């Protein structure tokens, strides 16, 4: 690792530890990730991913009593940081946390209200990355938001919203089916793994015994064959001796 890269990483760690959650900190992270040292970059990404996961959890606990606006800014920072470092799971988890927080606070702050399009967008991203259960939940939230919007629509908007409603229902059904399928596959894999382990526990002694029996039979066969050859040679020798007499 070059000295310049090490200094950038150290600076990024320092800014995160001092809770500098701004664009300047993200730019430093970006500059670290464009390093041309491929070998060291993988190690750096792993280290930074662990740092961000640890610091995001501790930071969220620290700001639990802060105003919602401040909490959302911090969540947005970590969402962008995890997106830069390609930690999709953490990125989606914090996006969901932010959307859920806004839903809870929207009763008293209408500007925080989450639209069905935001939930739908999140559901599609979750589906694309294989997080089916969370995608299904996001679809449910999108349906609730859209149902609220349809309550008193304009005529031209009504039919458009109905079409979107059907799309969200299809996505939800697909997400739930995929989640169930993954669950079944996981159970099947676990069952096969268990059976394989049980089989390995039984088979070693069986195979050893089989090899021993086979080896004994093979050895005995060779011995019998050698005895037969010895007898044949003895008979041949006796016959030759008789002729000479």
C-alpha atoms as a PDB file:
ATOM      1  CA  UNK A   1       0.000   0.000   0.000  1.00  0.00           C
ATOM      2  CA  UNK A   2       1.381   3.424  -0.935  1.00  0.00           C
ATOM      3  CA  UNK A   3       1.948   6.117   1.680  1.00  0.00           C
ATOM      4  CA  UNK A   4      -0.561   8.404  -0.034  1.00  0.00           C
ATOM      5  CA  UNK A   5      -3.286   5.730   0.085  1.00  0.00           C
ATOM      6  CA  UNK A   6      -2.509   4.958   3.735  1.00  0.00           C
ATOM      7  CA  UNK A   7      -2.825   8.662   4.587  1.00  0.00           C
ATOM      8  CA  UNK A   8      -6.197   8.915   2.833  1.00  0.00           C
ATOM      9  CA  UNK A   9      -7.511   5.877   4.690  1.00  0.00           C
ATOM     10  CA  UNK A  10      -6.264   7.266   7.993  1.00  0.00           C
ATOM     11  CA  UNK A  11      -7.928  10.609   7.251  1.00  0.00           C
ATOM     12  CA  UNK A  12     -11.230   8.918   6.387  1.00  0.00           C
ATOM     13  CA  UNK A  13     -11.161   6.903   9.615  1.00  0.00           C
ATOM     14  CA  UNK A  14     -10.433  10.070  11.583  1.00  0.00           C
ATOM     15  CA  UNK A  15     -13.336  11.954   9.988  1.00  0.00           C
ATOM     16  CA  UNK A  16     -15.753   9.081  10.635  1.00  0.00           C
ATOM     17  CA  UNK A  17     -14.619   8.799  14.256  1.00  0.00           C
ATOM     18  CA  UNK A  18     -15.084  12.553  14.708  1.00  0.00           C
ATOM     19  CA  UNK A  19     -18.580  12.292  13.134  1.00  0.00           C
ATOM     20  CA  UNK A  20     -17.873  14.393  10.055  1.00  0.00           C
ATOM     21  CA  UNK A  21     -20.726  13.089   7.912  1.00  0.00           C
ATOM     22  CA  UNK A  22     -20.536  15.338   4.865  1.00  0.00           C
ATOM     23  CA  UNK A  23     -19.706  15.369   1.160  1.00  0.00           C
ATOM     24  CA  UNK A  24     -16.014  16.035   1.836  1.00  0.00           C
ATOM     25  CA  UNK A  25     -15.736  12.777   3.794  1.00  0.00           C
ATOM     26  CA  UNK A  26     -17.486  10.883   1.003  1.00  0.00           C
ATOM     27  CA  UNK A  27     -15.091  12.353  -1.557  1.00  0.00           C
ATOM     28  CA  UNK A  28     -12.127  11.027   0.432  1.00  0.00           C
ATOM     29  CA  UNK A  29     -13.747   7.569   0.512  1.00  0.00           C
ATOM     30  CA  UNK A  30     -14.268   7.810  -3.235  1.00  0.00           C
ATOM     31  CA  UNK A  31     -10.618   8.705  -3.811  1.00  0.00           C
ATOM     32  CA  UNK A  32      -9.514   5.704  -1.723  1.00  0.00           C
ATOM     33  CA  UNK A  33     -11.697   3.339  -3.759  1.00  0.00           C
ATOM     34  CA  UNK A  34     -10.262   4.404  -7.123  1.00  0.00           C
ATOM     35  CA  UNK A  35      -6.816   3.194  -6.104  1.00  0.00           C
ATOM     36  CA  UNK A  36      -5.063   1.258  -8.873  1.00  0.00           C
ATOM     37  CA  UNK A  37      -3.529  -1.211  -6.413  1.00  0.00           C
ATOM     38  CA  UNK A  38      -5.989  -4.069  -6.977  1.00  0.00           C
ATOM     39  CA  UNK A  39      -4.458  -6.444  -4.431  1.00  0.00           C
ATOM     40  CA  UNK A  40      -4.434  -3.944  -1.583  1.00  0.00           C
ATOM     41  CA  UNK A  41      -7.792  -2.477  -2.639  1.00  0.00           C
ATOM     42  CA  UNK A  42      -9.649  -5.685  -1.732  1.00  0.00           C
ATOM     43  CA  UNK A  43      -8.114  -5.597   1.726  1.00  0.00           C
ATOM     44  CA  UNK A  44      -8.898  -1.892   2.033  1.00  0.00           C
ATOM     45  CA  UNK A  45     -12.531  -2.408   0.989  1.00  0.00           C
ATOM     46  CA  UNK A  46     -12.951  -5.173   3.551  1.00  0.00           C
ATOM     47  CA  UNK A  47     -11.444  -3.007   6.284  1.00  0.00           C
ATOM     48  CA  UNK A  48     -13.526   0.052   5.384  1.00  0.00           C
ATOM     49  CA  UNK A  49     -16.692  -2.045   5.138  1.00  0.00           C
ATOM     50  CA  UNK A  50     -16.127  -3.319   8.677  1.00  0.00           C
ATOM     51  CA  UNK A  51     -15.402   0.230   9.867  1.00  0.00           C
ATOM     52  CA  UNK A  52     -18.570   1.660   8.304  1.00  0.00           C
ATOM     53  CA  UNK A  53     -20.766  -1.124   9.653  1.00  0.00           C
ATOM     54  CA  UNK A  54     -19.414  -0.701  13.164  1.00  0.00           C
ATOM     55  CA  UNK A  55     -19.564   3.102  13.145  1.00  0.00           C
ATOM     56  CA  UNK A  56     -23.038   3.248  11.572  1.00  0.00           C
ATOM     57  CA  UNK A  57     -24.462   1.090  14.376  1.00  0.00           C
ATOM     58  CA  UNK A  58     -22.795   3.087  17.154  1.00  0.00           C
ATOM     59  CA  UNK A  59     -23.737   6.404  15.518  1.00  0.00           C
ATOM     60  CA  UNK A  60     -27.397   5.431  15.167  1.00  0.00           C
ATOM     61  CA  UNK A  61     -27.467   4.601  18.873  1.00  0.00           C
ATOM     62  CA  UNK A  62     -25.830   7.935  19.679  1.00  0.00           C
ATOM     63  CA  UNK A  63     -28.391  10.005  17.731  1.00  0.00           C
ATOM     64  CA  UNK A  64     -31.468   8.137  18.978  1.00  0.00           C
ATOM     65  CA  UNK A  65     -32.706  11.242  20.831  1.00  0.00           C
ATOM     66  CA  UNK A  66     -31.739  13.758  18.142  1.00  0.00           C
ATOM     67  CA  UNK A  67     -34.298  15.516  15.910  1.00  0.00           C
ATOM     68  CA  UNK A  68     -35.581  13.391  13.024  1.00  0.00           C
ATOM     69  CA  UNK A  69     -34.034  15.699  10.428  1.00  0.00           C
ATOM     70  CA  UNK A  70     -30.557  15.160  11.869  1.00  0.00           C
ATOM     71  CA  UNK A  71     -31.066  11.396  12.049  1.00  0.00           C
ATOM     72  CA  UNK A  72     -32.138  11.270   8.423  1.00  0.00           C
ATOM     73  CA  UNK A  73     -29.034  13.213   7.322  1.00  0.00           C
ATOM     74  CA  UNK A  74     -26.787  10.726   9.110  1.00  0.00           C
ATOM     75  CA  UNK A  75     -28.652   7.768   7.584  1.00  0.00           C
ATOM     76  CA  UNK A  76     -28.354   9.338   4.136  1.00  0.00           C
ATOM     77  CA  UNK A  77     -24.594   9.706   4.601  1.00  0.00           C
ATOM     78  CA  UNK A  78     -24.139   6.037   5.470  1.00  0.00           C
ATOM     79  CA  UNK A  79     -26.450   4.953   2.644  1.00  0.00           C
ATOM     80  CA  UNK A  80     -24.224   6.811   0.175  1.00  0.00           C
ATOM     81  CA  UNK A  81     -21.033   5.498   1.817  1.00  0.00           C
ATOM     82  CA  UNK A  82     -22.223   1.882   1.657  1.00  0.00           C
ATOM     83  CA  UNK A  83     -23.292   2.403  -1.964  1.00  0.00           C
ATOM     84  CA  UNK A  84     -19.784   3.638  -2.824  1.00  0.00           C
ATOM     85  CA  UNK A  85     -18.175   0.612  -1.219  1.00  0.00           C
ATOM     86  CA  UNK A  86     -20.696  -1.763  -2.853  1.00  0.00           C
ATOM     87  CA  UNK A  87     -22.128  -3.052   0.438  1.00  0.00           C
ATOM     88  CA  UNK A  88     -25.624  -3.575  -0.963  1.00  0.00           C
ATOM     89  CA  UNK A  89     -27.046  -5.273   2.118  1.00  0.00           C
ATOM     90  CA  UNK A  90     -26.085  -2.448   4.491  1.00  0.00           C
ATOM     91  CA  UNK A  91     -27.153   0.179   1.961  1.00  0.00           C
ATOM     92  CA  UNK A  92     -30.643  -1.311   1.594  1.00  0.00           C
ATOM     93  CA  UNK A  93     -30.979  -1.867   5.337  1.00  0.00           C
ATOM     94  CA  UNK A  94     -30.332   1.798   6.100  1.00  0.00           C
ATOM     95  CA  UNK A  95     -32.554   2.954   3.232  1.00  0.00           C
ATOM     96  CA  UNK A  96     -35.365   0.924   4.740  1.00  0.00           C
ATOM     97  CA  UNK A  97     -34.591   2.381   8.184  1.00  0.00           C
ATOM     98  CA  UNK A  98     -34.835   5.915   6.780  1.00  0.00           C
ATOM     99  CA  UNK A  99     -38.106   5.259   4.954  1.00  0.00           C
ATOM    100  CA  UNK A 100     -39.620   3.585   8.002  1.00  0.00           C
ATOM    101  CA  UNK A 101     -38.524   6.479  10.229  1.00  0.00           C
ATOM    102  CA  UNK A 102     -40.151   8.970   7.886  1.00  0.00           C
ATOM    103  CA  UNK A 103     -43.406   6.969   7.913  1.00  0.00           C
ATOM    104  CA  UNK A 104     -43.489   7.028  11.707  1.00  0.00           C
ATOM    105  CA  UNK A 105     -42.789  10.751  11.914  1.00  0.00           C
ATOM    106  CA  UNK A 106     -45.033  11.808   9.008  1.00  0.00           C
ATOM    107  CA  UNK A 107     -48.113  12.008  11.243  1.00  0.00           C
ATOM    108  CA  UNK A 108     -46.697  15.140  12.869  1.00  0.00           C
ATOM    109  CA  UNK A 109     -44.455  16.273   9.990  1.00  0.00           C
ATOM    110  CA  UNK A 110     -46.255  15.910   6.679  1.00  0.00           C
ATOM    111  CA  UNK A 111     -43.134  16.766   4.669  1.00  0.00           C
ATOM    112  CA  UNK A 112     -41.664  13.439   5.801  1.00  0.00           C
ATOM    113  CA  UNK A 113     -44.472  11.446   4.188  1.00  0.00           C
ATOM    114  CA  UNK A 114     -43.145   8.628   1.978  1.00  0.00           C
ATOM    115  CA  UNK A 115     -44.656   8.296  -1.495  1.00  0.00           C
ATOM    116  CA  UNK A 116     -45.639   4.979  -3.046  1.00  0.00           C
ATOM    117  CA  UNK A 117     -42.995   5.581  -5.730  1.00  0.00           C
ATOM    118  CA  UNK A 118     -40.249   5.660  -3.101  1.00  0.00           C
ATOM    119  CA  UNK A 119     -41.433   2.359  -1.644  1.00  0.00           C
ATOM    120  CA  UNK A 120     -41.837   0.883  -5.116  1.00  0.00           C
ATOM    121  CA  UNK A 121     -38.324   1.959  -6.105  1.00  0.00           C
ATOM    122  CA  UNK A 122     -36.938   0.423  -2.928  1.00  0.00           C
ATOM    123  CA  UNK A 123     -38.892  -2.804  -3.526  1.00  0.00           C
ATOM    124  CA  UNK A 124     -37.479  -3.127  -7.057  1.00  0.00           C
ATOM    125  CA  UNK A 125     -33.909  -2.591  -5.839  1.00  0.00           C
ATOM    126  CA  UNK A 126     -34.431  -5.183  -3.106  1.00  0.00           C
ATOM    127  CA  UNK A 127     -35.793  -7.681  -5.625  1.00  0.00           C
ATOM    128  CA  UNK A 128     -32.873  -7.070  -7.988  1.00  0.00           C
ATOM    129  CA  UNK A 129     -30.463  -7.949  -5.189  1.00  0.00           C
ATOM    130  CA  UNK A 130     -32.309 -11.010  -3.913  1.00  0.00           C
ATOM    131  CA  UNK A 131     -33.807  -9.555  -0.721  1.00  0.00           C
ATOM    132  CA  UNK A 132     -37.261 -10.947  -1.372  1.00  0.00           C
ATOM    133  CA  UNK A 133     -38.819 -10.719   2.087  1.00  0.00           C
ATOM    134  CA  UNK A 134     -37.924  -7.050   2.528  1.00  0.00           C
ATOM    135  CA  UNK A 135     -39.119  -6.374  -1.031  1.00  0.00           C
ATOM    136  CA  UNK A 136     -42.491  -7.903  -0.149  1.00  0.00           C
ATOM    137  CA  UNK A 137     -42.736  -5.651   2.907  1.00  0.00           C
ATOM    138  CA  UNK A 138     -41.856  -2.615   0.801  1.00  0.00           C
ATOM    139  CA  UNK A 139     -44.596  -3.566  -1.674  1.00  0.00           C
ATOM    140  CA  UNK A 140     -47.098  -3.721   1.182  1.00  0.00           C
ATOM    141  CA  UNK A 141     -46.069  -0.207   2.231  1.00  0.00           C
ATOM    142  CA  UNK A 142     -46.320   0.992  -1.377  1.00  0.00           C
ATOM    143  CA  UNK A 143     -49.843  -0.424  -1.593  1.00  0.00           C
ATOM    144  CA  UNK A 144     -50.859   1.392   1.595  1.00  0.00           C
ATOM    145  CA  UNK A 145     -49.477   4.679   0.271  1.00  0.00           C
ATOM    146  CA  UNK A 146     -51.130   4.251  -3.111  1.00  0.00           C
ATOM    147  CA  UNK A 147     -54.475   3.308  -1.548  1.00  0.00           C
ATOM    148  CA  UNK A 148     -54.249   6.514   0.450  1.00  0.00           C
ATOM    149  CA  UNK A 149     -53.574   8.503  -2.723  1.00  0.00           C
ATOM    150  CA  UNK A 150     -56.461   6.856  -4.600  1.00  0.00           C
ATOM    151  CA  UNK A 151     -58.947   7.860  -1.897  1.00  0.00           C
ATOM    152  CA  UNK A 152     -59.815  11.108  -3.647  1.00  0.00           C
ATOM    153  CA  UNK A 153     -58.165  11.128  -7.079  1.00  0.00           C
ATOM    154  CA  UNK A 154     -58.741  13.054 -10.240  1.00  0.00           C
ATOM    155  CA  UNK A 155     -60.492  10.999 -12.925  1.00  0.00           C
ATOM    156  CA  UNK A 156     -57.456  10.871 -15.238  1.00  0.00           C
ATOM    157  CA  UNK A 157     -55.187   9.862 -12.361  1.00  0.00           C
ATOM    158  CA  UNK A 158     -57.480   7.103 -11.133  1.00  0.00           C
ATOM    159  CA  UNK A 159     -56.888   4.674 -14.007  1.00  0.00           C
ATOM    160  CA  UNK A 160     -53.121   5.338 -13.943  1.00  0.00           C
ATOM    161  CA  UNK A 161     -53.020   4.581 -10.229  1.00  0.00           C
ATOM    162  CA  UNK A 162     -55.037   1.387 -10.700  1.00  0.00           C
ATOM    163  CA  UNK A 163     -52.456   0.175 -13.226  1.00  0.00           C
ATOM    164  CA  UNK A 164     -49.656   0.949 -10.777  1.00  0.00           C
ATOM    165  CA  UNK A 165     -51.638  -0.846  -8.080  1.00  0.00           C
ATOM    166  CA  UNK A 166     -51.731  -4.000 -10.199  1.00  0.00           C
ATOM    167  CA  UNK A 167     -47.996  -3.721 -10.891  1.00  0.00           C
ATOM    168  CA  UNK A 168     -47.203  -3.478  -7.180  1.00  0.00           C
ATOM    169  CA  UNK A 169     -49.444  -6.478  -6.431  1.00  0.00           C
ATOM    170  CA  UNK A 170     -47.608  -8.540  -9.071  1.00  0.00           C
ATOM    171  CA  UNK A 171     -44.239  -7.512  -7.609  1.00  0.00           C
ATOM    172  CA  UNK A 172     -45.428  -8.409  -4.123  1.00  0.00           C
ATOM    173  CA  UNK A 173     -46.664 -11.833  -5.266  1.00  0.00           C
ATOM    174  CA  UNK A 174     -43.353 -12.470  -7.026  1.00  0.00           C
ATOM    175  CA  UNK A 175     -41.385 -11.372  -3.944  1.00  0.00           C
ATOM    176  CA  UNK A 176     -43.413 -13.594  -1.617  1.00  0.00           C
ATOM    177  CA  UNK A 177     -43.168 -16.579  -3.966  1.00  0.00           C
ATOM    178  CA  UNK A 178     -39.420 -16.101  -4.336  1.00  0.00           C
ATOM    179  CA  UNK A 179     -38.979 -15.748  -0.580  1.00  0.00           C
ATOM    180  CA  UNK A 180     -40.937 -18.965  -0.002  1.00  0.00           C
ATOM    181  CA  UNK A 181     -38.943 -20.745  -2.712  1.00  0.00           C
ATOM    182  CA  UNK A 182     -35.650 -19.654  -1.125  1.00  0.00           C
ATOM    183  CA  UNK A 183     -36.914 -20.861   2.235  1.00  0.00           C
ATOM    184  CA  UNK A 184     -37.777 -24.277   0.789  1.00  0.00           C
ATOM    185  CA  UNK A 185     -34.418 -24.469  -0.987  1.00  0.00           C
ATOM    186  CA  UNK A 186     -32.634 -23.531   2.231  1.00  0.00           C
ATOM    187  CA  UNK A 187     -34.510 -26.236   4.121  1.00  0.00           C
ATOM    188  CA  UNK A 188     -33.734 -28.778   1.399  1.00  0.00           C
ATOM    189  CA  UNK A 189     -30.063 -27.814   1.423  1.00  0.00           C
ATOM    190  CA  UNK A 190     -29.975 -28.138   5.206  1.00  0.00           C
ATOM    191  CA  UNK A 191     -31.647 -31.558   5.003  1.00  0.00           C
ATOM    192  CA  UNK A 192     -29.189 -32.797   2.372  1.00  0.00           C
ATOM    193  CA  UNK A 193     -26.277 -31.452   4.382  1.00  0.00           C
ATOM    194  CA  UNK A 194     -27.544 -33.277   7.457  1.00  0.00           C
ATOM    195  CA  UNK A 195     -28.023 -36.529   5.537  1.00  0.00           C
ATOM    196  CA  UNK A 196     -24.568 -36.205   3.998  1.00  0.00           C
ATOM    197  CA  UNK A 197     -23.038 -35.717   7.449  1.00  0.00           C
ATOM    198  CA  UNK A 198     -24.883 -38.749   8.797  1.00  0.00           C
ATOM    199  CA  UNK A 199     -23.760 -40.809   5.808  1.00  0.00           C
ATOM    200  CA  UNK A 200     -20.124 -39.806   6.326  1.00  0.00           C
ATOM    201  CA  UNK A 201     -20.385 -40.873   9.952  1.00  0.00           C
ATOM    202  CA  UNK A 202     -21.643 -44.327   8.919  1.00  0.00           C
ATOM    203  CA  UNK A 203     -19.658 -44.943   5.747  1.00  0.00           C
ATOM    204  CA  UNK A 204     -16.034 -44.673   6.961  1.00  0.00           C
ATOM    205  CA  UNK A 205     -16.199 -47.876   9.055  1.00  0.00           C
ATOM    206  CA  UNK A 206     -18.247 -49.606   6.390  1.00  0.00           C
ATOM    207  CA  UNK A 207     -15.771 -48.672   3.697  1.00  0.00           C
ATOM    208  CA  UNK A 208     -12.845 -49.705   5.866  1.00  0.00           C
ATOM    209  CA  UNK A 209     -14.434 -53.063   6.568  1.00  0.00           C
ATOM    210  CA  UNK A 210     -15.217 -53.516   2.894  1.00  0.00           C
ATOM    211  CA  UNK A 211     -11.652 -52.693   1.904  1.00  0.00           C
ATOM    212  CA  UNK A 212     -10.336 -55.156   4.533  1.00  0.00           C
ATOM    213  CA  UNK A 213     -12.596 -57.947   3.325  1.00  0.00           C
ATOM    214  CA  UNK A 214     -11.680 -57.244  -0.287  1.00  0.00           C
ATOM    215  CA  UNK A 215      -7.968 -57.166   0.523  1.00  0.00           C
ATOM    216  CA  UNK A 216      -8.209 -60.467   2.426  1.00  0.00           C
ATOM    217  CA  UNK A 217     -10.084 -62.123  -0.405  1.00  0.00           C
ATOM    218  CA  UNK A 218      -7.573 -60.841  -2.926  1.00  0.00           C
ATOM    219  CA  UNK A 219      -4.625 -62.044  -0.811  1.00  0.00           C
ATOM    220  CA  UNK A 220      -6.211 -65.434  -0.263  1.00  0.00           C
ATOM    221  CA  UNK A 221      -6.831 -65.749  -3.995  1.00  0.00           C
ATOM    222  CA  UNK A 222      -3.163 -65.052  -4.728  1.00  0.00           C
ATOM    223  CA  UNK A 223      -2.127 -67.610  -2.139  1.00  0.00           C
ATOM    224  CA  UNK A 224      -4.409 -70.247  -3.647  1.00  0.00           C
ATOM    225  CA  UNK A 225      -3.114 -69.443  -7.103  1.00  0.00           C
ATOM    226  CA  UNK A 226       0.497 -69.760  -5.932  1.00  0.00           C
ATOM    227  CA  UNK A 227      -0.239 -73.087  -4.241  1.00  0.00           C
ATOM    228  CA  UNK A 228      -1.821 -74.362  -7.442  1.00  0.00           C
ATOM    229  CA  UNK A 229       1.229 -73.313  -9.444  1.00  0.00           C
ATOM    230  CA  UNK A 230       3.519 -74.973  -6.912  1.00  0.00           C
ATOM    231  CA  UNK A 231       1.573 -78.246  -7.183  1.00  0.00           C
ATOM    232  CA  UNK A 232       1.681 -78.082 -10.982  1.00  0.00           C
ATOM    233  CA  UNK A 233       5.456 -77.548 -10.913  1.00  0.00           C
ATOM    234  CA  UNK A 234       5.884 -80.432  -8.486  1.00  0.00           C
ATOM    235  CA  UNK A 235       3.833 -82.760 -10.718  1.00  0.00           C
ATOM    236  CA  UNK A 236       5.828 -81.688 -13.766  1.00  0.00           C
ATOM    237  CA  UNK A 237       9.096 -82.323 -11.927  1.00  0.00           C
ATOM    238  CA  UNK A 238       7.952 -85.775 -10.794  1.00  0.00           C
ATOM    239  CA  UNK A 239       6.882 -86.709 -14.336  1.00  0.00           C
ATOM    240  CA  UNK A 240      10.269 -85.661 -15.712  1.00  0.00           C
ATOM    241  CA  UNK A 241      12.097 -87.683 -13.089  1.00  0.00           C
ATOM    242  CA  UNK A 242      10.052 -90.827 -13.924  1.00  0.00           C
ATOM    243  CA  UNK A 243      10.778 -90.557 -17.656  1.00  0.00           C
ATOM    244  CA  UNK A 244      14.500 -90.240 -17.023  1.00  0.00           C
ATOM    245  CA  UNK A 245      14.464 -93.421 -14.932  1.00  0.00           C
END
